[in-house]
Amino acid sequence: MAGFDDLSKAAAIGSDFSPGAQVPLQGSGSGRTAATQALASAAYRDSPVADVLQANEAAEVKKPKLSLFEPNLGEAFSRAVQVRMLGGARKALIQSFGIEPQSVVEHCLAANRIRKVRDTRLTLVMATFGLVFLPGTLLWLLVFQLRRSIAGAQNKRAGSLGAAAMVVLGGLAVMLMIKLPLDGVLGIYLRAMLVAPVLGWLWAKQICEKAAKDLRGHWGSLLGGSGSGAKIPEAVPQDPGDAGAERIRLGLAKLTAEQASNLVYYAGPKGILGMGTRWGSWQLAEELVPKNPEADINPFRSWDVARAIHDQLRMLERTPIHTGGFPSPSIGHWIVSPVGEGAKEVSRPEGQEVEGYRIKDFEIQRICNEQQFGSGNRHYLGVQFVLWDGQLVITLLITVTVLHHTLRIEVTGHALGPVHPLFTTKPSPKTKEVSKSVKFWETKKINLPLVEAKEVVRLAARAPLTWFPPVLDFLGGKLVLPEPFGLRHAWADKPWRHRFMADDALRAATPVLRVVHSATMRLLEENNCDTESFGNRSGVLSGLVQGAEPRKADAYDA
């Protein structure tokens, strides 16, 4: 139980077995269903695993040693996400703004549970018809593996060579059945070993069809907007000795705590991980001069300016005209840590300045006031809008620096687009268009089985090995997620391809910039600063921001 104690400290939660009161995080659970359910639907999909490369080329699909054990997209995605998000030796995660990552992980667990029930039954079938009649089972598996090797694993025909090989093997099997040189019990067994796997296949097909309907039902309901919560009873400890459930429960709590971290990472041209690339930047930088030459400027610090802007930003929802206006934004102080553009992992800090995964307030103030030049982390005040049911995340970051007599207020815009269309495609029924028997000039659609013959064989062959995941990963390959990994930004598309999303991102910059300038001017006047030069510069920026256009602000042409 020592591992549980460490995990409890990291997640800042207790390790008792009572559910306790659940305190919702600010801004969670609202306006994020579309993106969350789209990503969760990947756990139930039955398409080829290579399709995930369309969403992110940085992901890697390990090739199988035997294509018969190759996973599909849902199997590979669920396994990869479960290990990456809940694994005991997992690395730090990137926050998933705009979605509820715990919900996605729970659906991965629920999908794996459905498959586990199916694989348990398939293992029983394999034990009954496979072990007893092992030579025949191996022969049939060899035939299907040969067919997959010749044709390829995914939706390809075997070709003339593959068809000829299948016909030859089928002919030999029929000849052995008819003219077997052996009689007695051995002859009966040899004939039965060719027939029994076929009977087992028929039983396995019914099991696979039932599971496929269940998985596709969850897939369709999630994208249809009526998806219910994931059912994962194995995550609820039944007694103090239920180590597996306790590990899952603490892992989910750790995931939620890390999601609430106020530390983000800047990766050069990739922008701030989880928030998207920087598409715009506006700077107000002028000299601090006393308004009354006979008196000095009242002493103030960068944190005083940041707090004044923070208080004024809370009024963004108010408008003199009765319109829809801004939704409730999330306003908070962020610490941005620089990492390399090609970094494969990030690390969460530890020490007295950190509580759970959050930088404490006194350390935030220190960074804001002192770390403005040279190496080290930087402080940003952030305004974040989660729009389009989580499909668009707009973040405007404000930083305050004072160098010598120059006060600089910088506002940068970041936009994280919708999840890739791969995750928003609904399941389509498997049909085939054929000619009518009488009116042959007309056509009709007939429903095909959800699970093809080769798919039943694949699932049945994989089932016994699902109890040994490392062995199955070695033989069948696996999905390697892109690093540093975050559920949301790893599969995000560009928002500029959607006109309305692009308009929303551009429109948010102008009012935020004016609120920032207004709060800054007020604080300067209260501290005996001449605001004329600041006012002139603010007027210029107010005109420039009206024609804001997205650009690659992090890609310097130098």
Protein backbone atom coordinates (compact mmCIF):
# COMPACT_ATOMS: atom_id res chain seq x y z
CA MET A 1 0.00 0.00 0.00
CA ALA A 2 3.00 2.32 -0.03
CA GLY A 3 2.32 3.19 -3.67
CA PHE A 4 -1.20 4.27 -2.74
CA ASP A 5 0.15 6.65 -0.08
CA ASP A 6 2.46 8.32 -2.59
CA LEU A 7 -0.36 8.61 -5.08
CA SER A 8 -2.65 10.10 -2.46
CA LYS A 9 -0.12 12.80 -1.63
CA ALA A 10 0.37 13.63 -5.30
CA ALA A 11 -3.34 13.92 -5.87
CA ALA A 12 -3.87 15.83 -2.61
CA ILE A 13 -6.63 13.50 -1.54
CA GLY A 14 -7.18 11.02 1.24
CA SER A 15 -6.94 7.30 0.81
CA ASP A 16 -10.10 6.38 2.70
CA PHE A 17 -12.68 4.10 1.11
CA SER A 18 -15.72 6.36 1.46
CA PRO A 19 -16.74 8.34 -1.62
CA GLY A 20 -16.92 11.61 0.31
CA ALA A 21 -18.18 14.95 -0.90
CA GLN A 22 -17.24 15.86 -4.44
CA VAL A 23 -16.48 19.57 -4.91
CA PRO A 24 -16.86 20.65 -8.56
CA LEU A 25 -14.00 22.66 -10.02
CA GLN A 26 -14.69 26.16 -11.28
CA GLY A 27 -15.96 26.13 -14.82
CA SER A 28 -16.09 22.37 -15.10
CA GLY A 29 -18.89 20.31 -16.49
CA SER A 30 -20.52 22.96 -18.67
CA GLY A 31 -20.11 23.72 -22.33
CA ARG A 32 -17.65 20.90 -22.95
CA THR A 33 -19.79 17.94 -23.94
CA ALA A 34 -19.21 17.87 -27.71
CA ALA A 35 -15.41 17.69 -27.61
CA THR A 36 -15.41 15.35 -24.62
CA GLN A 37 -17.86 12.89 -26.16
CA ALA A 38 -16.11 13.00 -29.54
CA LEU A 39 -12.83 11.91 -27.97
CA ALA A 40 -14.59 9.37 -25.75
CA SER A 41 -16.22 7.80 -28.81
CA ALA A 42 -12.79 6.70 -30.06
CA ALA A 43 -12.77 4.06 -27.31
CA TYR A 44 -15.72 2.26 -28.94
CA ARG A 45 -14.68 2.43 -32.60
CA ASP A 46 -13.93 -0.61 -34.77
CA SER A 47 -12.08 1.11 -37.63
CA PRO A 48 -8.41 0.38 -38.51
CA VAL A 49 -5.91 1.67 -35.98
CA ALA A 50 -3.89 3.42 -38.71
CA ASP A 51 -6.74 5.93 -39.11
CA VAL A 52 -5.51 7.72 -35.99
CA LEU A 53 -2.50 8.98 -37.95
CA GLN A 54 -4.88 11.23 -39.88
CA ALA A 55 -5.53 13.17 -36.68
CA ASN A 56 -1.89 13.45 -35.61
CA GLU A 57 1.12 12.25 -37.57
CA ALA A 58 3.22 12.44 -34.40
CA ALA A 59 1.37 9.40 -33.07
CA GLU A 60 2.97 6.06 -33.86
CA VAL A 61 1.40 2.71 -34.65
CA LYS A 62 3.76 -0.14 -33.84
CA LYS A 63 3.56 -2.79 -36.56
CA PRO A 64 2.42 -6.25 -35.44
CA LYS A 65 4.62 -9.30 -35.48
CA LEU A 66 1.53 -11.29 -36.54
CA SER A 67 -1.27 -9.32 -38.19
CA LEU A 68 -3.81 -11.78 -36.77
CA PHE A 69 -3.29 -10.14 -33.36
CA GLU A 70 -3.45 -6.55 -34.62
CA PRO A 71 -5.82 -4.29 -32.60
CA ASN A 72 -8.44 -2.00 -34.10
CA LEU A 73 -8.69 1.72 -33.31
CA GLY A 74 -10.93 1.36 -30.26
CA GLU A 75 -8.82 -1.38 -28.69
CA ALA A 76 -5.54 0.43 -29.29
CA PHE A 77 -6.86 3.86 -28.22
CA SER A 78 -8.46 2.58 -25.00
CA ARG A 79 -5.37 0.62 -24.03
CA ALA A 80 -2.98 3.50 -24.79
CA VAL A 81 -5.05 6.13 -22.98
CA GLN A 82 -5.62 3.92 -19.93
CA VAL A 83 -1.92 3.17 -19.53
CA ARG A 84 -0.82 6.75 -20.26
CA MET A 85 -3.35 8.46 -17.98
CA LEU A 86 -3.59 5.96 -15.11
CA GLY A 87 -0.33 4.03 -15.27
CA GLY A 88 1.74 3.97 -12.12
CA ALA A 89 4.90 5.07 -13.94
CA ARG A 90 3.25 7.63 -16.17
CA LYS A 91 4.88 10.95 -17.01
CA ALA A 92 3.36 14.37 -16.42
CA LEU A 93 0.32 15.26 -18.52
CA ILE A 94 -0.64 18.41 -20.39
CA GLN A 95 -3.93 19.97 -19.25
CA SER A 96 -6.89 19.30 -21.54
CA PHE A 97 -8.68 22.64 -21.80
CA GLY A 98 -12.18 22.45 -23.22
CA ILE A 99 -12.89 18.85 -22.22
CA GLU A 100 -13.27 16.69 -19.15
CA PRO A 101 -10.35 14.22 -19.44
CA GLN A 102 -11.63 12.07 -16.57
CA SER A 103 -14.82 11.38 -18.55
CA VAL A 104 -12.80 10.27 -21.59
CA VAL A 105 -10.66 7.94 -19.46
CA GLU A 106 -13.76 6.50 -17.81
CA HIS A 107 -15.23 5.69 -21.23
CA CYS A 108 -11.96 3.97 -22.17
CA LEU A 109 -12.30 1.87 -19.02
CA ALA A 110 -15.94 1.14 -19.82
CA ALA A 111 -15.09 0.08 -23.39
CA ASN A 112 -12.33 -2.18 -22.10
CA ARG A 113 -14.81 -3.70 -19.66
CA ILE A 114 -17.21 -4.58 -22.51
CA ARG A 115 -14.33 -6.15 -24.41
CA LYS A 116 -13.16 -8.00 -21.32
CA VAL A 117 -16.57 -9.65 -20.93
CA ARG A 118 -16.51 -10.57 -24.63
CA ASP A 119 -12.96 -11.90 -24.44
CA THR A 120 -13.79 -13.99 -21.38
CA ARG A 121 -16.50 -15.76 -23.35
CA LEU A 122 -14.27 -16.09 -26.39
CA THR A 123 -11.54 -17.58 -24.21
CA LEU A 124 -14.04 -20.19 -23.04
CA VAL A 125 -14.85 -20.97 -26.68
CA MET A 126 -11.16 -21.25 -27.52
CA ALA A 127 -10.59 -23.52 -24.53
CA THR A 128 -13.50 -25.75 -25.51
CA PHE A 129 -12.90 -26.00 -29.24
CA GLY A 130 -9.31 -24.82 -29.47
CA LEU A 131 -7.35 -26.75 -26.86
CA VAL A 132 -9.22 -30.02 -27.31
CA PHE A 133 -8.87 -29.84 -31.07
CA LEU A 134 -5.63 -27.83 -31.10
CA PRO A 135 -4.14 -29.18 -34.39
CA GLY A 136 -7.26 -28.22 -36.34
CA THR A 137 -7.46 -24.84 -34.65
CA LEU A 138 -3.83 -24.09 -35.49
CA LEU A 139 -4.43 -25.16 -39.07
CA TRP A 140 -7.39 -22.79 -39.44
CA LEU A 141 -5.45 -19.95 -37.78
CA LEU A 142 -2.59 -20.61 -40.19
CA VAL A 143 -4.99 -20.32 -43.12
CA PHE A 144 -6.35 -16.98 -41.92
CA GLN A 145 -2.89 -15.67 -41.06
CA LEU A 146 -1.70 -16.64 -44.55
CA ARG A 147 -4.66 -14.86 -46.06
CA ARG A 148 -3.97 -11.69 -44.01
CA SER A 149 -0.26 -11.79 -44.83
CA ILE A 150 -0.96 -12.01 -48.56
CA ALA A 151 -3.87 -9.57 -48.67
CA GLY A 152 -2.90 -7.22 -45.86
CA ALA A 153 -4.77 -6.91 -42.61
CA GLN A 154 -7.20 -4.17 -43.51
CA ASN A 155 -10.00 -4.49 -46.07
CA LYS A 156 -8.04 -5.89 -48.99
CA ARG A 157 -8.75 -8.90 -51.15
CA ALA A 158 -6.38 -11.78 -51.13
CA GLY A 159 -5.68 -11.59 -54.86
CA SER A 160 -5.12 -14.50 -57.23
CA LEU A 161 -2.24 -15.99 -55.23
CA GLY A 162 -4.13 -15.83 -51.95
CA ALA A 163 -7.30 -17.24 -53.51
CA ALA A 164 -5.35 -20.11 -55.06
CA ALA A 165 -3.72 -20.91 -51.70
CA MET A 166 -7.07 -20.89 -49.93
CA VAL A 167 -8.58 -23.21 -52.57
CA VAL A 168 -5.67 -25.64 -52.30
CA LEU A 169 -5.85 -25.77 -48.52
CA GLY A 170 -9.63 -26.20 -48.66
CA GLY A 171 -9.30 -29.03 -51.16
CA LEU A 172 -6.76 -30.84 -49.02
CA ALA A 173 -9.06 -30.53 -45.99
CA VAL A 174 -11.98 -32.06 -47.96
CA MET A 175 -9.81 -34.92 -49.22
CA LEU A 176 -8.66 -35.70 -45.69
CA MET A 177 -12.25 -35.73 -44.52
CA ILE A 178 -13.36 -38.17 -47.23
CA LYS A 179 -10.36 -40.42 -47.74
CA LEU A 180 -8.59 -40.40 -44.43
CA PRO A 181 -6.18 -43.38 -44.24
CA LEU A 182 -6.82 -43.81 -40.51
CA ASP A 183 -9.85 -45.44 -38.86
CA GLY A 184 -11.08 -45.80 -35.32
CA VAL A 185 -10.84 -43.16 -32.62
CA LEU A 186 -7.86 -41.43 -34.23
CA GLY A 187 -9.69 -41.09 -37.52
CA ILE A 188 -12.75 -39.68 -35.82
CA TYR A 189 -10.56 -37.20 -33.92
CA LEU A 190 -8.76 -36.07 -37.07
CA ARG A 191 -12.06 -35.46 -38.82
CA ALA A 192 -13.50 -33.69 -35.77
CA MET A 193 -10.50 -31.40 -35.41
CA LEU A 194 -11.36 -29.84 -38.79
CA VAL A 195 -15.06 -29.45 -38.01
CA ALA A 196 -14.97 -28.41 -34.34
CA PRO A 197 -13.19 -25.07 -34.97
CA VAL A 198 -15.95 -24.17 -37.43
CA LEU A 199 -18.60 -24.85 -34.76
CA GLY A 200 -16.58 -22.78 -32.31
CA TRP A 201 -16.41 -20.01 -34.90
CA LEU A 202 -20.22 -19.95 -35.16
CA TRP A 203 -20.52 -19.58 -31.39
CA ALA A 204 -17.80 -16.94 -31.31
CA LYS A 205 -19.56 -15.02 -34.09
CA GLN A 206 -22.69 -14.61 -31.96
CA ILE A 207 -20.59 -13.35 -29.04
CA CYS A 208 -18.73 -10.88 -31.26
CA GLU A 209 -21.95 -9.61 -32.88
CA LYS A 210 -23.49 -8.88 -29.48
CA ALA A 211 -20.42 -7.02 -28.26
CA ALA A 212 -20.15 -5.08 -31.53
CA LYS A 213 -23.74 -3.87 -31.22
CA ASP A 214 -23.06 -2.75 -27.65
CA LEU A 215 -19.88 -0.89 -28.59
CA ARG A 216 -21.47 0.77 -31.62
CA GLY A 217 -24.47 1.73 -29.50
CA HIS A 218 -22.23 3.67 -27.12
CA TRP A 219 -20.33 5.18 -30.06
CA GLY A 220 -23.52 6.43 -31.70
CA SER A 221 -25.12 7.70 -28.50
CA LEU A 222 -22.04 9.73 -27.58
CA LEU A 223 -21.95 11.53 -30.92
CA GLY A 224 -25.74 11.81 -30.99
CA GLY A 225 -25.67 13.88 -27.81
CA SER A 226 -27.52 11.35 -25.68
CA GLY A 227 -24.53 9.48 -24.33
CA SER A 228 -24.80 8.41 -20.72
CA GLY A 229 -21.97 8.26 -18.23
CA ALA A 230 -19.49 5.43 -18.40
CA LYS A 231 -20.16 2.45 -16.12
CA ILE A 232 -16.97 1.32 -14.39
CA PRO A 233 -17.93 -0.58 -11.23
CA GLU A 234 -14.39 -1.91 -11.00
CA ALA A 235 -13.26 1.62 -10.03
CA VAL A 236 -15.34 1.55 -6.82
CA PRO A 237 -13.51 -0.26 -3.99
CA GLN A 238 -15.71 -2.92 -2.43
CA ASP A 239 -13.48 -3.46 0.62
CA PRO A 240 -10.11 -2.26 2.00
CA GLY A 241 -8.35 -5.09 0.20
CA ASP A 242 -9.62 -4.16 -3.26
CA ALA A 243 -6.26 -2.91 -4.52
CA GLY A 244 -7.17 -2.73 -8.21
CA ALA A 245 -10.21 -0.52 -7.70
CA GLU A 246 -8.33 1.69 -5.26
CA ARG A 247 -5.55 2.17 -7.80
CA ILE A 248 -8.04 3.26 -10.48
CA ARG A 249 -9.86 5.56 -8.07
CA LEU A 250 -6.68 7.30 -6.98
CA GLY A 251 -5.47 7.50 -10.58
CA LEU A 252 -8.64 9.31 -11.61
CA ALA A 253 -8.29 11.67 -8.64
CA LYS A 254 -4.69 12.37 -9.61
CA LEU A 255 -5.79 13.09 -13.17
CA THR A 256 -8.40 15.59 -11.94
CA ALA A 257 -5.86 17.31 -9.69
CA GLU A 258 -3.32 17.62 -12.51
CA GLN A 259 -6.01 19.03 -14.79
CA ALA A 260 -6.47 21.88 -12.27
CA SER A 261 -2.76 22.82 -12.32
CA ASN A 262 -1.88 26.47 -12.99
CA LEU A 263 1.46 25.60 -14.62
CA VAL A 264 1.63 25.37 -18.43
CA TYR A 265 4.50 24.87 -20.85
CA TYR A 266 5.68 26.99 -23.77
CA ALA A 267 7.25 24.93 -26.58
CA GLY A 268 8.44 27.53 -29.08
CA PRO A 269 6.57 27.47 -32.43
CA LYS A 270 4.19 24.89 -30.97
CA GLY A 271 2.89 27.60 -28.65
CA ILE A 272 1.68 26.91 -25.14
CA LEU A 273 0.91 23.20 -24.91
CA GLY A 274 -2.79 22.72 -24.36
CA MET A 275 -3.72 26.30 -25.33
CA GLY A 276 -2.60 26.34 -28.94
CA THR A 277 -0.26 28.52 -30.93
CA ARG A 278 -0.01 32.28 -30.45
CA TRP A 279 -1.83 33.95 -33.33
CA GLY A 280 -1.68 37.62 -32.26
CA SER A 281 0.24 39.99 -29.98
CA TRP A 282 -0.41 43.61 -28.88
CA GLN A 283 1.96 45.62 -26.70
CA LEU A 284 1.54 48.80 -24.71
CA ALA A 285 5.01 50.00 -23.69
CA GLU A 286 5.74 53.57 -22.55
CA GLU A 287 7.96 55.43 -20.10
CA LEU A 288 6.86 55.95 -16.52
CA VAL A 289 6.92 59.71 -15.87
CA PRO A 290 5.45 61.50 -12.82
CA LYS A 291 2.29 63.45 -13.55
CA ASN A 292 3.29 66.05 -10.97
CA PRO A 293 7.01 66.85 -11.51
CA GLU A 294 7.29 68.00 -7.91
CA ALA A 295 6.39 64.57 -6.56
CA ASP A 296 7.68 61.08 -7.30
CA ILE A 297 5.61 58.20 -8.60
CA ASN A 298 3.87 56.26 -5.85
CA PRO A 299 5.70 52.93 -5.52
CA PHE A 300 3.83 49.99 -7.08
CA ARG A 301 4.83 46.57 -8.39
CA SER A 302 3.94 44.44 -11.41
CA TRP A 303 1.62 42.37 -9.23
CA ASP A 304 -0.41 45.52 -8.42
CA VAL A 305 -1.00 46.09 -12.14
CA ALA A 306 -1.89 42.44 -12.69
CA ARG A 307 -4.38 42.49 -9.80
CA ALA A 308 -6.00 45.68 -11.10
CA ILE A 309 -6.41 44.10 -14.54
CA HIS A 310 -7.74 40.91 -12.95
CA ASP A 311 -10.44 42.79 -11.04
CA GLN A 312 -11.50 44.72 -14.14
CA LEU A 313 -11.69 41.59 -16.30
CA ARG A 314 -14.45 40.26 -14.07
CA MET A 315 -16.73 42.87 -15.63
CA LEU A 316 -16.38 41.42 -19.16
CA GLU A 317 -19.82 39.84 -18.95
CA ARG A 318 -21.49 43.20 -18.41
CA THR A 319 -22.62 45.26 -21.40
CA PRO A 320 -24.72 48.44 -21.81
CA ILE A 321 -26.73 46.78 -24.58
CA HIS A 322 -28.90 43.75 -23.93
CA THR A 323 -27.23 41.09 -26.07
CA GLY A 324 -25.87 37.63 -25.57
CA GLY A 325 -22.39 39.00 -25.04
CA PHE A 326 -19.53 37.10 -23.51
CA PRO A 327 -20.17 33.83 -21.71
CA SER A 328 -18.63 33.51 -18.28
CA PRO A 329 -14.85 33.40 -18.81
CA SER A 330 -12.30 31.61 -16.68
CA ILE A 331 -9.85 34.17 -15.28
CA GLY A 332 -6.73 33.05 -13.46
CA HIS A 333 -3.01 33.48 -12.97
CA TRP A 334 -0.77 31.14 -14.91
CA ILE A 335 2.90 30.25 -14.63
CA VAL A 336 4.46 29.51 -18.02
CA SER A 337 7.54 27.31 -18.08
CA PRO A 338 9.70 27.10 -21.25
CA VAL A 339 10.52 23.70 -22.75
CA GLY A 340 12.21 22.75 -26.00
CA GLU A 341 10.21 22.54 -29.21
CA GLY A 342 11.06 18.86 -29.57
CA ALA A 343 10.68 17.98 -25.88
CA LYS A 344 9.29 14.49 -25.34
CA GLU A 345 8.21 15.06 -21.74
CA VAL A 346 7.61 17.73 -19.14
CA SER A 347 8.07 17.64 -15.38
CA ARG A 348 5.91 18.98 -12.58
CA PRO A 349 7.81 20.97 -9.92
CA GLU A 350 7.97 19.92 -6.29
CA GLY A 351 8.73 21.78 -3.12
CA GLN A 352 7.28 24.26 -0.66
CA GLU A 353 6.06 26.47 -3.50
CA VAL A 354 3.78 23.74 -4.85
CA GLU A 355 0.60 22.33 -3.36
CA GLY A 356 -0.68 19.31 -5.23
CA TYR A 357 -0.04 20.43 -8.79
CA ARG A 358 -0.66 24.15 -8.24
CA ILE A 359 1.89 26.91 -7.72
CA LYS A 360 1.06 28.72 -4.48
CA ASP A 361 -0.06 32.36 -4.48
CA PHE A 362 3.06 33.78 -2.83
CA GLU A 363 5.26 32.13 -5.48
CA ILE A 364 3.04 33.49 -8.25
CA GLN A 365 3.47 37.01 -6.85
CA ARG A 366 7.23 36.56 -6.60
CA ILE A 367 7.54 35.39 -10.20
CA CYS A 368 5.32 38.25 -11.38
CA ASN A 369 7.44 40.86 -9.59
CA GLU A 370 10.95 39.45 -10.03
CA GLN A 371 11.26 37.03 -12.97
CA GLN A 372 10.76 39.36 -15.93
CA PHE A 373 14.14 39.10 -17.62
CA GLY A 374 16.51 36.21 -18.24
CA SER A 375 15.91 32.53 -17.46
CA GLY A 376 13.09 31.18 -15.34
CA ASN A 377 9.33 30.86 -15.41
CA ARG A 378 7.06 33.78 -16.29
CA HIS A 379 3.72 34.97 -14.94
CA TYR A 380 0.67 35.52 -17.17
CA LEU A 381 -2.85 36.58 -16.36
CA GLY A 382 -5.21 34.51 -18.47
CA VAL A 383 -8.75 34.94 -19.77
CA GLN A 384 -10.14 31.73 -21.24
CA PHE A 385 -13.37 31.16 -23.15
CA VAL A 386 -14.61 27.62 -23.84
CA LEU A 387 -17.01 27.84 -26.79
CA TRP A 388 -18.80 25.57 -29.24
CA ASP A 389 -19.36 22.87 -26.58
CA GLY A 390 -15.64 22.65 -25.98
CA GLN A 391 -14.67 22.57 -29.66
CA LEU A 392 -13.04 26.03 -29.46
CA VAL A 393 -10.83 27.30 -26.65
CA ILE A 394 -9.83 30.96 -26.80
CA THR A 395 -7.15 32.09 -24.36
CA LEU A 396 -5.87 35.66 -24.02
CA LEU A 397 -2.78 36.02 -21.84
CA ILE A 398 -1.64 39.29 -20.27
CA THR A 399 1.85 39.84 -18.93
CA VAL A 400 3.22 42.88 -17.07
CA THR A 401 6.92 43.81 -17.10
CA VAL A 402 8.78 46.81 -15.72
CA LEU A 403 12.33 47.32 -16.97
CA HIS A 404 14.07 50.51 -15.89
CA HIS A 405 11.44 53.26 -16.50
CA THR A 406 9.43 51.32 -19.08
CA LEU A 407 6.12 49.65 -18.27
CA ARG A 408 5.10 47.03 -20.82
CA ILE A 409 1.66 45.40 -20.97
CA GLU A 410 1.47 42.62 -23.53
CA VAL A 411 -1.68 40.77 -24.62
CA THR A 412 -1.32 37.60 -26.68
CA GLY A 413 -4.06 35.52 -28.27
CA HIS A 414 -4.07 31.71 -28.35
CA ALA A 415 -6.68 29.50 -30.02
CA LEU A 416 -7.19 25.75 -29.77
CA GLY A 417 -9.39 24.42 -32.55
CA PRO A 418 -11.95 21.61 -32.72
CA VAL A 419 -11.03 17.96 -32.38
CA HIS A 420 -10.14 16.28 -35.67
CA PRO A 421 -13.12 15.17 -37.82
CA LEU A 422 -11.97 11.56 -37.35
CA PHE A 423 -13.51 11.67 -33.87
CA THR A 424 -16.82 13.17 -34.97
CA THR A 425 -17.82 10.55 -37.57
CA LYS A 426 -20.85 8.52 -36.50
CA PRO A 427 -21.10 4.75 -37.00
CA SER A 428 -22.70 3.77 -40.28
CA PRO A 429 -24.54 0.47 -40.74
CA LYS A 430 -22.78 -2.09 -42.89
CA THR A 431 -24.91 -2.52 -46.00
CA LYS A 432 -24.51 -3.77 -49.55
CA GLU A 433 -26.42 -2.71 -52.65
CA VAL A 434 -27.65 -5.65 -54.78
CA SER A 435 -30.06 -6.18 -57.62
CA LYS A 436 -33.58 -7.37 -56.87
CA SER A 437 -34.28 -10.98 -57.76
CA VAL A 438 -37.32 -10.26 -59.99
CA LYS A 439 -36.99 -6.63 -60.96
CA PHE A 440 -33.30 -7.01 -61.68
CA TRP A 441 -33.06 -3.46 -63.03
CA GLU A 442 -33.79 -2.16 -59.54
CA THR A 443 -31.49 -2.33 -56.56
CA LYS A 444 -31.95 -2.74 -52.85
CA LYS A 445 -29.76 -2.51 -49.78
CA ILE A 446 -29.23 -5.49 -47.55
CA ASN A 447 -27.73 -5.40 -44.08
CA LEU A 448 -24.41 -7.16 -43.63
CA PRO A 449 -23.17 -8.68 -40.38
CA LEU A 450 -21.35 -6.18 -38.17
CA VAL A 451 -18.52 -8.66 -37.69
CA GLU A 452 -16.99 -10.38 -40.71
CA ALA A 453 -15.54 -13.89 -40.66
CA LYS A 454 -11.94 -12.71 -40.52
CA GLU A 455 -12.82 -10.31 -37.68
CA VAL A 456 -14.31 -13.17 -35.62
CA VAL A 457 -11.10 -15.14 -36.08
CA ARG A 458 -9.00 -12.12 -35.08
CA LEU A 459 -11.00 -11.51 -31.91
CA ALA A 460 -11.02 -15.19 -30.96
CA ALA A 461 -7.26 -15.45 -31.50
CA ARG A 462 -6.62 -12.33 -29.39
CA ALA A 463 -8.99 -13.26 -26.57
CA PRO A 464 -6.73 -15.63 -24.57
CA LEU A 465 -3.82 -13.18 -24.84
CA THR A 466 -5.83 -10.24 -23.46
CA TRP A 467 -5.00 -11.59 -20.00
CA PHE A 468 -1.33 -10.89 -20.83
CA PRO A 469 -1.34 -7.33 -22.31
CA PRO A 470 2.47 -7.01 -22.76
CA VAL A 471 2.53 -10.22 -24.81
CA LEU A 472 -0.41 -9.01 -26.91
CA ASP A 473 1.28 -5.62 -27.45
CA PHE A 474 4.43 -7.40 -28.61
CA LEU A 475 2.66 -9.70 -31.06
CA GLY A 476 -0.09 -7.37 -32.29
CA GLY A 477 1.51 -3.96 -32.05
CA LYS A 478 0.13 -0.94 -30.23
CA LEU A 479 -0.60 2.78 -30.44
CA VAL A 480 2.09 5.12 -29.10
CA LEU A 481 0.61 8.49 -28.16
CA PRO A 482 2.38 11.75 -29.12
CA GLU A 483 4.41 13.36 -26.35
CA PRO A 484 4.16 15.55 -24.35
CA PHE A 485 0.66 14.13 -24.22
CA GLY A 486 -2.61 15.87 -23.48
CA LEU A 487 -5.97 14.44 -24.53
CA ARG A 488 -7.17 17.71 -26.06
CA HIS A 489 -4.27 19.38 -27.87
CA ALA A 490 -2.97 16.11 -29.35
CA TRP A 491 -6.03 15.79 -31.60
CA ALA A 492 -6.89 19.48 -32.19
CA ASP A 493 -7.49 20.84 -35.66
CA LYS A 494 -6.93 24.43 -36.81
CA PRO A 495 -9.83 26.79 -35.93
CA TRP A 496 -9.23 29.06 -38.92
CA ARG A 497 -10.91 26.61 -41.30
CA HIS A 498 -14.24 27.30 -39.57
CA ARG A 499 -15.45 30.83 -40.33
CA PHE A 500 -17.54 31.34 -37.20
CA MET A 501 -14.87 29.93 -34.91
CA ALA A 502 -12.27 32.22 -36.47
CA ASP A 503 -14.62 35.20 -36.02
CA ASP A 504 -15.12 34.38 -32.35
CA ALA A 505 -11.37 34.22 -31.75
CA LEU A 506 -10.77 37.56 -33.48
CA ARG A 507 -13.68 39.33 -31.78
CA ALA A 508 -12.59 38.36 -28.27
CA ALA A 509 -9.29 40.24 -28.54
CA THR A 510 -10.67 43.80 -28.85
CA PRO A 511 -12.79 44.06 -25.65
CA VAL A 512 -10.16 42.24 -23.57
CA LEU A 513 -7.43 44.57 -24.81
CA ARG A 514 -9.51 47.64 -23.97
CA VAL A 515 -10.29 46.38 -20.48
CA VAL A 516 -6.58 45.77 -19.92
CA HIS A 517 -5.74 49.30 -21.05
CA SER A 518 -8.53 50.84 -18.99
CA ALA A 519 -7.42 49.10 -15.79
CA THR A 520 -3.79 50.03 -16.43
CA MET A 521 -4.60 53.70 -17.00
CA ARG A 522 -6.66 53.84 -13.81
CA LEU A 523 -3.84 52.38 -11.70
CA LEU A 524 -1.28 54.74 -13.26
CA GLU A 525 -3.41 57.77 -12.47
CA GLU A 526 -3.83 56.64 -8.88
CA ASN A 527 -0.04 56.43 -8.53
CA ASN A 528 0.79 59.88 -9.96
CA CYS A 529 1.90 58.67 -13.42
CA ASP A 530 1.54 60.71 -16.56
CA THR A 531 -0.87 58.76 -18.78
CA GLU A 532 -0.75 60.92 -21.91
CA SER A 533 1.78 58.78 -23.76
CA PHE A 534 0.00 55.62 -22.59
CA GLY A 535 -3.31 57.02 -23.80
CA ASN A 536 -1.93 57.83 -27.24
CA ARG A 537 -0.43 54.38 -27.61
CA SER A 538 -3.65 52.79 -26.37
CA GLY A 539 -5.58 54.65 -29.06
CA VAL A 540 -3.23 53.34 -31.74
CA LEU A 541 -3.57 49.76 -30.49
CA SER A 542 -7.34 50.15 -30.31
CA GLY A 543 -7.33 50.89 -34.02
CA LEU A 544 -4.90 48.11 -34.89
CA VAL A 545 -6.78 45.39 -33.01
CA GLN A 546 -9.94 46.10 -35.00
CA GLY A 547 -8.20 44.68 -38.05
CA ALA A 548 -6.71 41.72 -36.22
CA GLU A 549 -5.81 38.78 -38.43
CA PRO A 550 -4.42 35.42 -37.37
CA ARG A 551 -0.72 34.95 -37.99
CA LYS A 552 2.11 32.78 -36.77
CA ALA A 553 3.28 35.06 -34.00
CA ASP A 554 5.67 32.45 -32.58
CA ALA A 555 7.46 31.85 -35.90
CA TYR A 556 9.93 34.73 -36.18
CA ASP A 557 11.31 35.35 -39.67
CA ALA A 558 14.83 36.27 -38.64
